[in-house]
């Protein structure tokens, strides 16, 4: 019972970060786009606004799938697909270009936070894969095979 409660609470807490961030970023598409480093290849997705919308979709959709437990592996992959480029193009490159110590410190903290969240998403994915593999496979059809050699 305690394990079930811990898993549910952990899912909600983990996914809540992404759901809240998706809602916040969706309210300011242009402002969010300005935080993305200029070297990001936004033309591949039709511009910076589309890149932000895709990121919001990955965060919101992934967070929802993880929180509800509907498709947690897919949700984890969505979060990984968001976190990897966001960490690099939003925080790591800003850290490298920061001039003040306070700016460097803030971007370092954000890089470390995203890296930890990325690790959590990978762990959740691995946990869910192991859980699915441990379940017995369903029979291919409802009929029992007859052994004709007896």
Protein backbone atom coordinates (compact mmCIF):
# COMPACT_ATOMS: atom_id res chain seq x y z
CA UNK A 1 0.00 0.00 0.00
CA UNK A 2 2.77 2.44 0.92
CA UNK A 3 4.57 1.63 -2.33
CA UNK A 4 1.46 2.45 -4.35
CA UNK A 5 0.99 5.76 -2.53
CA UNK A 6 4.64 6.67 -3.02
CA UNK A 7 4.42 5.93 -6.77
CA UNK A 8 1.25 8.01 -7.19
CA UNK A 9 2.60 10.93 -5.17
CA UNK A 10 5.94 10.74 -7.01
CA UNK A 11 4.21 10.76 -10.39
CA UNK A 12 2.13 13.82 -9.47
CA UNK A 13 5.09 15.71 -8.04
CA UNK A 14 7.37 14.89 -10.98
CA UNK A 15 4.75 15.60 -13.65
CA UNK A 16 3.50 18.73 -11.89
CA UNK A 17 6.69 20.58 -12.75
CA UNK A 18 6.14 19.98 -16.45
CA UNK A 19 2.41 20.73 -16.37
CA UNK A 20 2.98 24.05 -14.60
CA UNK A 21 5.87 24.99 -16.92
CA UNK A 22 3.81 24.11 -20.01
CA UNK A 23 0.95 26.33 -18.84
CA UNK A 24 3.34 29.19 -18.07
CA UNK A 25 5.22 28.97 -21.36
CA UNK A 26 2.00 28.67 -23.36
CA UNK A 27 0.89 32.04 -22.01
CA UNK A 28 4.03 33.75 -23.36
CA UNK A 29 5.11 32.07 -26.60
CA UNK A 30 7.20 35.03 -27.82
CA UNK A 31 8.90 35.59 -24.45
CA UNK A 32 9.76 31.91 -24.17
CA UNK A 33 11.16 31.93 -27.70
CA UNK A 34 13.50 34.78 -26.80
CA UNK A 35 15.15 32.59 -24.14
CA UNK A 36 16.21 30.02 -26.74
CA UNK A 37 19.79 30.43 -27.99
CA UNK A 38 20.23 31.86 -31.49
CA UNK A 39 22.02 28.70 -32.67
CA UNK A 40 18.85 26.59 -32.22
CA UNK A 41 17.78 25.30 -35.68
CA UNK A 42 14.20 26.64 -35.45
CA UNK A 43 13.83 26.60 -39.23
CA UNK A 44 13.54 22.80 -39.04
CA UNK A 45 10.13 23.16 -37.38
CA UNK A 46 8.93 26.30 -39.16
CA UNK A 47 10.20 28.97 -36.79
CA UNK A 48 10.75 29.77 -33.15
CA UNK A 49 7.06 30.00 -32.26
CA UNK A 50 6.51 26.47 -33.58
CA UNK A 51 9.50 25.24 -31.59
CA UNK A 52 8.00 26.71 -28.41
CA UNK A 53 4.60 25.15 -29.18
CA UNK A 54 6.26 21.76 -29.73
CA UNK A 55 8.13 22.14 -26.44
CA UNK A 56 4.91 23.07 -24.63
CA UNK A 57 3.18 20.05 -26.20
CA UNK A 58 5.98 17.70 -25.13
CA UNK A 59 5.98 19.12 -21.58
CA UNK A 60 2.21 19.18 -21.19
CA UNK A 61 1.51 15.90 -22.95
CA UNK A 62 4.38 14.08 -21.29
CA UNK A 63 3.45 15.46 -17.88
CA UNK A 64 -0.17 14.40 -18.34
CA UNK A 65 0.75 10.87 -19.45
CA UNK A 66 3.14 10.44 -16.51
CA UNK A 67 0.77 11.94 -13.92
CA UNK A 68 -2.19 9.82 -14.97
CA UNK A 69 -0.15 6.67 -15.57
CA UNK A 70 -1.98 6.15 -18.88
CA UNK A 71 1.11 5.78 -21.05
CA UNK A 72 4.01 6.52 -18.71
CA UNK A 73 6.71 5.22 -21.07
CA UNK A 74 5.52 7.48 -23.88
CA UNK A 75 5.20 10.33 -21.38
CA UNK A 76 8.77 9.77 -20.22
CA UNK A 77 10.01 9.82 -23.81
CA UNK A 78 8.15 13.10 -24.42
CA UNK A 79 9.82 14.63 -21.37
CA UNK A 80 13.24 13.36 -22.45
CA UNK A 81 12.64 14.76 -25.96
CA UNK A 82 11.89 18.13 -24.37
CA UNK A 83 14.57 18.19 -21.67
CA UNK A 84 17.62 17.24 -23.73
CA UNK A 85 17.50 20.12 -26.25
CA UNK A 86 16.01 22.59 -23.75
CA UNK A 87 18.85 22.02 -21.30
CA UNK A 88 21.43 22.60 -23.99
CA UNK A 89 19.89 25.44 -26.02
CA UNK A 90 18.26 27.37 -23.19
CA UNK A 91 20.52 26.89 -20.18
CA UNK A 92 23.91 25.40 -21.08
CA UNK A 93 24.69 27.84 -23.89
CA UNK A 94 23.43 30.72 -21.74
CA UNK A 95 25.78 29.52 -19.00
CA UNK A 96 28.71 29.50 -21.43
CA UNK A 97 27.93 33.05 -22.60
CA UNK A 98 27.08 34.54 -19.20
CA UNK A 99 29.28 37.42 -18.12
CA UNK A 100 28.28 37.94 -14.49
CA UNK A 101 28.84 35.46 -11.69
CA UNK A 102 25.20 35.60 -10.65
CA UNK A 103 24.03 34.85 -14.19
CA UNK A 104 26.49 31.94 -14.46
CA UNK A 105 25.32 30.58 -11.12
CA UNK A 106 21.64 30.79 -12.10
CA UNK A 107 22.19 29.00 -15.43
CA UNK A 108 24.35 26.35 -13.73
CA UNK A 109 21.53 25.67 -11.26
CA UNK A 110 19.02 25.40 -14.12
CA UNK A 111 21.32 23.00 -16.01
CA UNK A 112 21.71 20.84 -12.92
CA UNK A 113 17.93 20.87 -12.27
CA UNK A 114 17.17 19.85 -15.85
CA UNK A 115 19.83 17.15 -15.72
CA UNK A 116 18.24 15.75 -12.56
CA UNK A 117 14.80 15.83 -14.20
CA UNK A 118 16.26 14.09 -17.24
CA UNK A 119 17.67 11.39 -14.97
CA UNK A 120 14.26 11.03 -13.31
CA UNK A 121 12.57 10.65 -16.71
CA UNK A 122 15.09 7.97 -17.72
CA UNK A 123 14.57 6.14 -14.41
CA UNK A 124 10.79 6.26 -14.82
CA UNK A 125 11.11 4.94 -18.36
CA UNK A 126 13.36 2.09 -17.20
CA UNK A 127 11.09 1.29 -14.27
CA UNK A 128 8.02 1.16 -16.51
CA UNK A 129 9.83 -1.03 -19.06
CA UNK A 130 10.84 -3.47 -16.32
CA UNK A 131 7.30 -3.47 -14.93
CA UNK A 132 5.84 -4.25 -18.36
CA UNK A 133 8.40 -7.01 -18.99
CA UNK A 134 7.60 -8.66 -15.65
CA UNK A 135 3.91 -9.07 -16.53
CA UNK A 136 2.96 -12.44 -18.02
CA UNK A 137 2.23 -12.35 -21.73
CA UNK A 138 -1.37 -12.77 -22.79
CA UNK A 139 -2.14 -15.77 -25.01
CA UNK A 140 -2.26 -15.01 -28.73
CA UNK A 141 -5.77 -16.43 -29.05
CA UNK A 142 -8.44 -17.74 -26.76
CA UNK A 143 -8.12 -21.31 -28.04
CA UNK A 144 -5.96 -23.88 -26.36
CA UNK A 145 -3.63 -25.76 -28.64
CA UNK A 146 -4.28 -29.48 -28.98
CA UNK A 147 -1.30 -31.72 -28.70
CA UNK A 148 -1.85 -34.33 -31.47
CA UNK A 149 1.16 -36.46 -30.52
CA UNK A 150 -0.60 -37.95 -27.49
